[in-house]
């Protein structure tokens, strides 16, 4: 077994890599089976063929319905983007709404996109729940 961050051989009972300090299973640079360098987007190791599990983002799933309705009704204030963790985008919507009145249209469109499934994840990459 090899560290996916630095390719250092790992003890089977190790919780973290003693070379780089990263938790076992974290990282996408090397194959955990053979230690061969891997492409972060690869699904399998090209050397040994083992499946490469991608790290799953941790955190609570947010509701698609809540985000969509916030976008439709309060989108001009960017509330749906604050809810989804897109703070910078939310602040831009507030500024555009206050200065030009354009944030409401933007929020309405994003709210519909969320409900239709075009926007599928929050700012951390966690999928929205139905």
N, C-alpha and C. Protein backbone atom coordinates (compact mmCIF):
# COMPACT_ATOMS: atom_id res chain seq x y z
N UNK A 1 0.85 -1.17 0.00
CA UNK A 1 0.00 0.00 0.00
C UNK A 1 0.91 1.24 0.00
N UNK A 2 0.52 2.24 -0.81
CA UNK A 2 1.32 3.45 -0.96
C UNK A 2 0.48 4.69 -0.66
N UNK A 3 1.16 5.74 -0.19
CA UNK A 3 0.50 7.03 0.05
C UNK A 3 0.08 7.62 -1.29
N UNK A 4 -1.16 8.10 -1.38
CA UNK A 4 -1.66 8.69 -2.62
C UNK A 4 -1.14 10.11 -2.81
N UNK A 5 -0.53 10.68 -1.76
CA UNK A 5 -0.01 12.03 -1.86
C UNK A 5 1.48 12.06 -2.25
N UNK A 6 2.29 11.12 -1.68
CA UNK A 6 3.74 11.17 -1.92
C UNK A 6 4.34 9.84 -2.40
N UNK A 7 3.56 8.78 -2.51
CA UNK A 7 3.98 7.45 -2.97
C UNK A 7 4.87 6.71 -1.98
N UNK A 8 4.95 7.16 -0.74
CA UNK A 8 5.72 6.47 0.28
C UNK A 8 5.01 5.16 0.65
N UNK A 9 5.75 4.04 0.78
CA UNK A 9 5.11 2.80 1.22
C UNK A 9 4.50 2.98 2.61
N UNK A 10 3.28 2.45 2.80
CA UNK A 10 2.56 2.62 4.06
C UNK A 10 2.43 1.31 4.81
N UNK A 11 2.46 1.40 6.13
CA UNK A 11 2.14 0.27 6.98
C UNK A 11 0.63 0.02 6.85
N UNK A 12 0.18 -1.24 6.76
CA UNK A 12 -1.25 -1.50 6.60
C UNK A 12 -2.13 -0.94 7.72
N UNK A 13 -1.56 -0.72 8.91
CA UNK A 13 -2.33 -0.20 10.03
C UNK A 13 -2.18 1.31 10.21
N UNK A 14 -1.45 1.97 9.32
CA UNK A 14 -1.18 3.40 9.46
C UNK A 14 -2.45 4.22 9.23
N UNK A 15 -2.58 5.29 10.00
CA UNK A 15 -3.69 6.23 9.82
C UNK A 15 -3.25 7.43 8.99
N UNK A 16 -1.95 7.77 9.09
CA UNK A 16 -1.38 8.87 8.32
C UNK A 16 -0.04 8.43 7.75
N UNK A 17 0.38 9.08 6.68
CA UNK A 17 1.69 8.82 6.09
C UNK A 17 2.76 9.44 6.97
N UNK A 18 3.80 8.66 7.31
CA UNK A 18 4.87 9.19 8.17
C UNK A 18 5.79 10.14 7.42
N UNK A 19 5.77 10.11 6.09
CA UNK A 19 6.63 10.99 5.30
C UNK A 19 6.00 12.37 5.10
N UNK A 20 4.71 12.41 4.71
CA UNK A 20 4.09 13.70 4.39
C UNK A 20 3.00 14.12 5.38
N UNK A 21 2.56 13.20 6.26
CA UNK A 21 1.58 13.54 7.28
C UNK A 21 0.13 13.58 6.81
N UNK A 22 -0.13 13.18 5.58
CA UNK A 22 -1.48 13.21 5.02
C UNK A 22 -2.22 11.95 5.46
N UNK A 23 -3.52 12.05 5.79
CA UNK A 23 -4.29 10.85 6.15
C UNK A 23 -4.28 9.82 5.01
N UNK A 24 -4.24 8.55 5.38
CA UNK A 24 -4.24 7.47 4.39
C UNK A 24 -5.50 7.58 3.53
N UNK A 25 -5.32 7.47 2.22
CA UNK A 25 -6.44 7.58 1.28
C UNK A 25 -6.60 8.97 0.71
N UNK A 26 -5.99 9.97 1.32
CA UNK A 26 -6.07 11.33 0.80
C UNK A 26 -5.05 11.51 -0.31
N UNK A 27 -5.33 12.42 -1.20
CA UNK A 27 -4.43 12.69 -2.31
C UNK A 27 -4.87 11.99 -3.56
N UNK A 28 -4.37 12.46 -4.70
CA UNK A 28 -4.74 11.89 -6.00
C UNK A 28 -3.53 11.75 -6.92
N UNK A 29 -2.32 11.87 -6.37
CA UNK A 29 -1.12 11.91 -7.20
C UNK A 29 -0.55 10.54 -7.56
N UNK A 30 -0.78 9.53 -6.70
CA UNK A 30 -0.17 8.22 -6.90
C UNK A 30 -1.18 7.11 -6.66
N UNK A 31 -0.94 5.97 -7.30
CA UNK A 31 -1.78 4.78 -7.13
C UNK A 31 -1.54 4.20 -5.73
N UNK A 32 -2.59 3.89 -4.97
CA UNK A 32 -2.39 3.31 -3.64
C UNK A 32 -1.92 1.86 -3.70
N UNK A 33 -2.09 1.20 -4.86
CA UNK A 33 -1.72 -0.20 -5.00
C UNK A 33 -0.27 -0.40 -5.42
N UNK A 34 0.18 0.38 -6.44
CA UNK A 34 1.54 0.18 -6.97
C UNK A 34 2.46 1.39 -6.80
N UNK A 35 1.92 2.55 -6.42
CA UNK A 35 2.73 3.75 -6.22
C UNK A 35 3.07 4.50 -7.50
N UNK A 36 2.50 4.09 -8.62
CA UNK A 36 2.74 4.74 -9.91
C UNK A 36 2.06 6.12 -9.93
N UNK A 37 2.70 7.15 -10.51
CA UNK A 37 2.03 8.46 -10.63
C UNK A 37 0.74 8.32 -11.44
N UNK A 38 -0.31 9.02 -11.01
CA UNK A 38 -1.61 8.95 -11.69
C UNK A 38 -2.10 10.34 -12.05
N UNK A 39 -2.95 10.40 -13.04
CA UNK A 39 -3.64 11.63 -13.40
C UNK A 39 -4.78 11.82 -12.40
N UNK A 40 -4.92 13.01 -11.80
CA UNK A 40 -5.99 13.22 -10.81
C UNK A 40 -7.39 12.90 -11.34
N UNK A 41 -7.60 12.98 -12.65
CA UNK A 41 -8.92 12.71 -13.22
C UNK A 41 -9.10 11.24 -13.60
N UNK A 42 -8.05 10.43 -13.48
CA UNK A 42 -8.12 9.03 -13.91
C UNK A 42 -9.02 8.21 -13.00
N UNK A 43 -9.75 7.26 -13.60
CA UNK A 43 -10.63 6.37 -12.85
C UNK A 43 -9.90 5.09 -12.44
N UNK A 44 -8.88 4.69 -13.23
CA UNK A 44 -8.09 3.50 -12.92
C UNK A 44 -6.61 3.80 -13.12
N UNK A 45 -5.76 3.04 -12.43
CA UNK A 45 -4.31 3.16 -12.61
C UNK A 45 -3.94 2.49 -13.93
N UNK A 46 -3.18 3.19 -14.77
CA UNK A 46 -2.80 2.63 -16.07
C UNK A 46 -1.74 1.54 -15.94
N UNK A 47 -1.04 1.48 -14.81
CA UNK A 47 0.00 0.47 -14.63
C UNK A 47 -0.57 -0.85 -14.10
N UNK A 48 -1.39 -0.77 -13.03
CA UNK A 48 -1.87 -2.01 -12.41
C UNK A 48 -3.37 -2.24 -12.58
N UNK A 49 -4.12 -1.23 -13.04
CA UNK A 49 -5.55 -1.39 -13.31
C UNK A 49 -6.47 -1.26 -12.12
N UNK A 50 -5.94 -0.94 -10.94
CA UNK A 50 -6.79 -0.80 -9.76
C UNK A 50 -7.65 0.46 -9.89
N UNK A 51 -8.89 0.38 -9.40
CA UNK A 51 -9.79 1.54 -9.42
C UNK A 51 -9.28 2.59 -8.44
N UNK A 52 -9.27 3.84 -8.88
CA UNK A 52 -8.80 4.95 -8.04
C UNK A 52 -10.01 5.67 -7.48
N UNK A 53 -10.22 5.53 -6.19
CA UNK A 53 -11.35 6.21 -5.55
C UNK A 53 -11.03 7.68 -5.42
N UNK A 54 -11.97 8.51 -5.79
CA UNK A 54 -11.80 9.95 -5.64
C UNK A 54 -12.27 10.36 -4.26
N UNK A 55 -11.61 11.35 -3.63
CA UNK A 55 -12.05 11.80 -2.32
C UNK A 55 -13.46 12.38 -2.41
N UNK A 56 -14.32 12.00 -1.48
CA UNK A 56 -15.69 12.50 -1.45
C UNK A 56 -15.71 13.74 -0.57
N UNK A 57 -16.25 14.86 -1.10
CA UNK A 57 -16.32 16.06 -0.28
C UNK A 57 -17.15 15.81 0.98
N UNK A 58 -16.67 16.32 2.09
CA UNK A 58 -17.35 16.13 3.36
C UNK A 58 -18.20 17.35 3.68
N UNK A 59 -19.34 17.11 4.27
CA UNK A 59 -20.22 18.19 4.68
C UNK A 59 -21.67 17.81 4.47
N UNK A 60 -22.54 18.65 4.95
CA UNK A 60 -23.97 18.39 4.87
C UNK A 60 -24.51 18.80 3.50
N UNK A 61 -25.35 17.94 2.92
CA UNK A 61 -25.98 18.26 1.65
C UNK A 61 -27.02 19.35 1.85
N UNK A 62 -27.07 20.27 0.92
CA UNK A 62 -28.05 21.33 0.96
C UNK A 62 -29.23 20.95 0.06
N UNK A 63 -30.39 21.49 0.34
CA UNK A 63 -31.60 21.17 -0.41
C UNK A 63 -31.68 21.93 -1.72
N UNK A 64 -31.92 21.18 -2.81
CA UNK A 64 -32.10 21.80 -4.12
C UNK A 64 -33.35 22.69 -4.12
N UNK A 65 -34.43 22.22 -3.49
CA UNK A 65 -35.69 22.97 -3.45
C UNK A 65 -35.50 24.29 -2.70
N UNK A 66 -34.85 24.24 -1.55
CA UNK A 66 -34.61 25.46 -0.77
C UNK A 66 -33.77 26.45 -1.56
N UNK A 67 -32.68 25.98 -2.16
CA UNK A 67 -31.81 26.87 -2.93
C UNK A 67 -32.55 27.47 -4.11
N UNK A 68 -33.33 26.66 -4.82
CA UNK A 68 -34.07 27.16 -5.97
C UNK A 68 -35.10 28.20 -5.60
N UNK A 69 -35.86 27.94 -4.54
CA UNK A 69 -36.89 28.90 -4.12
C UNK A 69 -36.26 30.18 -3.57
N UNK A 70 -35.15 30.06 -2.87
CA UNK A 70 -34.45 31.27 -2.42
C UNK A 70 -33.98 32.08 -3.62
N UNK A 71 -33.51 31.41 -4.66
CA UNK A 71 -33.08 32.11 -5.87
C UNK A 71 -34.23 32.83 -6.56
N UNK A 72 -35.38 32.17 -6.64
CA UNK A 72 -36.53 32.77 -7.33
C UNK A 72 -37.08 33.95 -6.54
N UNK A 73 -37.26 33.80 -5.23
CA UNK A 73 -37.92 34.84 -4.45
C UNK A 73 -36.97 35.87 -3.84
N UNK A 74 -35.75 35.49 -3.50
CA UNK A 74 -34.80 36.42 -2.87
C UNK A 74 -33.48 36.48 -3.63
N UNK A 75 -33.50 36.09 -4.89
CA UNK A 75 -32.29 36.02 -5.70
C UNK A 75 -31.58 37.34 -5.87
N UNK A 76 -32.32 38.43 -5.89
CA UNK A 76 -31.71 39.74 -6.04
C UNK A 76 -30.76 40.08 -4.90
N UNK A 77 -30.99 39.46 -3.76
CA UNK A 77 -30.12 39.68 -2.60
C UNK A 77 -29.03 38.61 -2.50
N UNK A 78 -29.04 37.65 -3.43
CA UNK A 78 -28.02 36.61 -3.44
C UNK A 78 -28.15 35.60 -2.32
N UNK A 79 -29.33 35.54 -1.70
CA UNK A 79 -29.51 34.65 -0.55
C UNK A 79 -29.24 33.19 -0.91
N UNK A 80 -29.67 32.77 -2.10
CA UNK A 80 -29.43 31.38 -2.51
C UNK A 80 -27.94 31.08 -2.66
N UNK A 81 -27.17 32.06 -3.09
CA UNK A 81 -25.72 31.85 -3.21
C UNK A 81 -25.04 31.83 -1.84
N UNK A 82 -25.51 32.66 -0.91
CA UNK A 82 -25.00 32.55 0.46
C UNK A 82 -25.31 31.16 1.00
N UNK A 83 -26.53 30.67 0.78
CA UNK A 83 -26.95 29.34 1.24
C UNK A 83 -26.05 28.24 0.67
N UNK A 84 -25.68 28.37 -0.60
CA UNK A 84 -24.85 27.36 -1.26
C UNK A 84 -23.35 27.55 -1.02
N UNK A 85 -22.96 28.65 -0.38
CA UNK A 85 -21.55 28.88 -0.06
C UNK A 85 -20.80 29.74 -1.06
N UNK A 86 -21.49 30.29 -2.06
CA UNK A 86 -20.85 31.15 -3.06
C UNK A 86 -20.92 32.60 -2.57
N UNK A 87 -20.13 32.94 -1.58
CA UNK A 87 -20.20 34.25 -0.94
C UNK A 87 -19.85 35.39 -1.90
N UNK A 88 -18.81 35.23 -2.69
CA UNK A 88 -18.40 36.29 -3.63
C UNK A 88 -19.48 36.58 -4.65
N UNK A 89 -20.08 35.54 -5.18
CA UNK A 89 -21.15 35.70 -6.16
C UNK A 89 -22.36 36.38 -5.51
N UNK A 90 -22.66 36.01 -4.26
CA UNK A 90 -23.79 36.60 -3.55
C UNK A 90 -23.59 38.09 -3.32
N UNK A 91 -22.38 38.48 -2.96
CA UNK A 91 -22.09 39.90 -2.75
C UNK A 91 -22.21 40.66 -4.06
N UNK A 92 -21.75 40.06 -5.16
CA UNK A 92 -21.90 40.70 -6.47
C UNK A 92 -23.37 40.91 -6.82
N UNK A 93 -24.22 39.94 -6.47
CA UNK A 93 -25.65 40.09 -6.75
C UNK A 93 -26.25 41.23 -5.93
N UNK A 94 -25.85 41.35 -4.69
CA UNK A 94 -26.36 42.45 -3.86
C UNK A 94 -25.95 43.79 -4.46
N UNK A 95 -24.68 43.91 -4.84
CA UNK A 95 -24.19 45.16 -5.42
C UNK A 95 -24.92 45.49 -6.71
N UNK A 96 -25.08 44.51 -7.59
CA UNK A 96 -25.80 44.74 -8.85
C UNK A 96 -27.26 45.12 -8.61
N UNK A 97 -27.87 44.50 -7.61
CA UNK A 97 -29.26 44.83 -7.30
C UNK A 97 -29.40 46.25 -6.79
N UNK A 98 -28.50 46.63 -5.89
CA UNK A 98 -28.59 47.97 -5.32
C UNK A 98 -28.22 49.06 -6.32
N UNK A 99 -27.26 48.79 -7.19
CA UNK A 99 -26.80 49.81 -8.13
C UNK A 99 -27.62 49.86 -9.42
N UNK A 100 -27.98 48.70 -9.95
CA UNK A 100 -28.60 48.67 -11.28
C UNK A 100 -29.92 47.92 -11.33
N UNK A 101 -30.28 47.21 -10.28
CA UNK A 101 -31.51 46.44 -10.28
C UNK A 101 -31.45 45.17 -11.10
N UNK A 102 -30.25 44.71 -11.46
CA UNK A 102 -30.11 43.54 -12.32
C UNK A 102 -30.00 42.22 -11.55
N UNK A 103 -29.76 42.28 -10.27
CA UNK A 103 -29.56 41.05 -9.50
C UNK A 103 -30.79 40.18 -9.42
N UNK A 104 -31.98 40.78 -9.47
CA UNK A 104 -33.22 40.01 -9.38
C UNK A 104 -33.37 39.07 -10.57
N UNK A 105 -33.05 39.54 -11.76
CA UNK A 105 -33.15 38.71 -12.96
C UNK A 105 -32.14 37.56 -12.87
N UNK A 106 -30.92 37.89 -12.47
CA UNK A 106 -29.87 36.90 -12.30
C UNK A 106 -30.31 35.83 -11.30
N UNK A 107 -30.85 36.25 -10.15
CA UNK A 107 -31.30 35.32 -9.13
C UNK A 107 -32.45 34.44 -9.61
N UNK A 108 -33.39 35.02 -10.35
CA UNK A 108 -34.51 34.26 -10.89
C UNK A 108 -34.01 33.16 -11.84
N UNK A 109 -33.11 33.53 -12.72
CA UNK A 109 -32.55 32.56 -13.68
C UNK A 109 -31.80 31.45 -12.93
N UNK A 110 -30.97 31.82 -11.96
CA UNK A 110 -30.23 30.80 -11.21
C UNK A 110 -31.17 29.91 -10.40
N UNK A 111 -32.22 30.49 -9.83
CA UNK A 111 -33.19 29.69 -9.09
C UNK A 111 -33.83 28.63 -9.97
N UNK A 112 -34.21 29.02 -11.19
CA UNK A 112 -34.79 28.07 -12.14
C UNK A 112 -33.76 27.02 -12.55
N UNK A 113 -32.51 27.46 -12.76
CA UNK A 113 -31.45 26.51 -13.13
C UNK A 113 -31.21 25.47 -12.02
N UNK A 114 -31.28 25.91 -10.78
CA UNK A 114 -31.10 24.99 -9.65
C UNK A 114 -32.23 23.96 -9.64
N UNK A 115 -33.46 24.43 -9.77
CA UNK A 115 -34.61 23.52 -9.73
C UNK A 115 -34.64 22.56 -10.93
N UNK A 116 -34.15 23.01 -12.07
CA UNK A 116 -34.12 22.15 -13.27
C UNK A 116 -32.93 21.20 -13.27
N UNK A 117 -31.97 21.40 -12.38
CA UNK A 117 -30.83 20.49 -12.29
C UNK A 117 -29.58 20.93 -13.01
N UNK A 118 -29.57 22.14 -13.57
CA UNK A 118 -28.36 22.63 -14.24
C UNK A 118 -27.25 22.94 -13.24
N UNK A 119 -27.62 23.40 -12.06
CA UNK A 119 -26.66 23.64 -10.98
C UNK A 119 -26.86 22.49 -10.00
N UNK A 120 -25.85 21.62 -9.87
CA UNK A 120 -26.02 20.37 -9.14
C UNK A 120 -25.26 20.29 -7.83
N UNK A 121 -24.30 21.21 -7.60
CA UNK A 121 -23.48 21.13 -6.40
C UNK A 121 -23.39 22.49 -5.71
N UNK A 122 -23.00 22.45 -4.43
CA UNK A 122 -22.76 23.70 -3.72
C UNK A 122 -21.30 24.12 -3.95
N UNK A 123 -20.85 25.15 -3.24
CA UNK A 123 -19.50 25.69 -3.44
C UNK A 123 -18.41 24.69 -3.05
N UNK A 124 -18.71 23.72 -2.20
CA UNK A 124 -17.72 22.72 -1.79
C UNK A 124 -17.74 21.49 -2.68
N UNK A 125 -18.60 21.48 -3.69
CA UNK A 125 -18.70 20.34 -4.59
C UNK A 125 -19.60 19.23 -4.09
N UNK A 126 -20.33 19.48 -3.01
CA UNK A 126 -21.25 18.48 -2.47
C UNK A 126 -22.55 18.54 -3.26
N UNK A 127 -23.03 17.40 -3.77
CA UNK A 127 -24.26 17.40 -4.56
C UNK A 127 -25.46 17.88 -3.74
N UNK A 128 -26.36 18.61 -4.41
CA UNK A 128 -27.59 19.07 -3.77
C UNK A 128 -28.54 17.89 -3.64
N UNK A 129 -29.25 17.81 -2.52
CA UNK A 129 -30.22 16.73 -2.35
C UNK A 129 -31.58 17.18 -2.87
N UNK A 130 -32.35 16.21 -3.35
CA UNK A 130 -33.69 16.50 -3.89
C UNK A 130 -34.67 16.80 -2.79
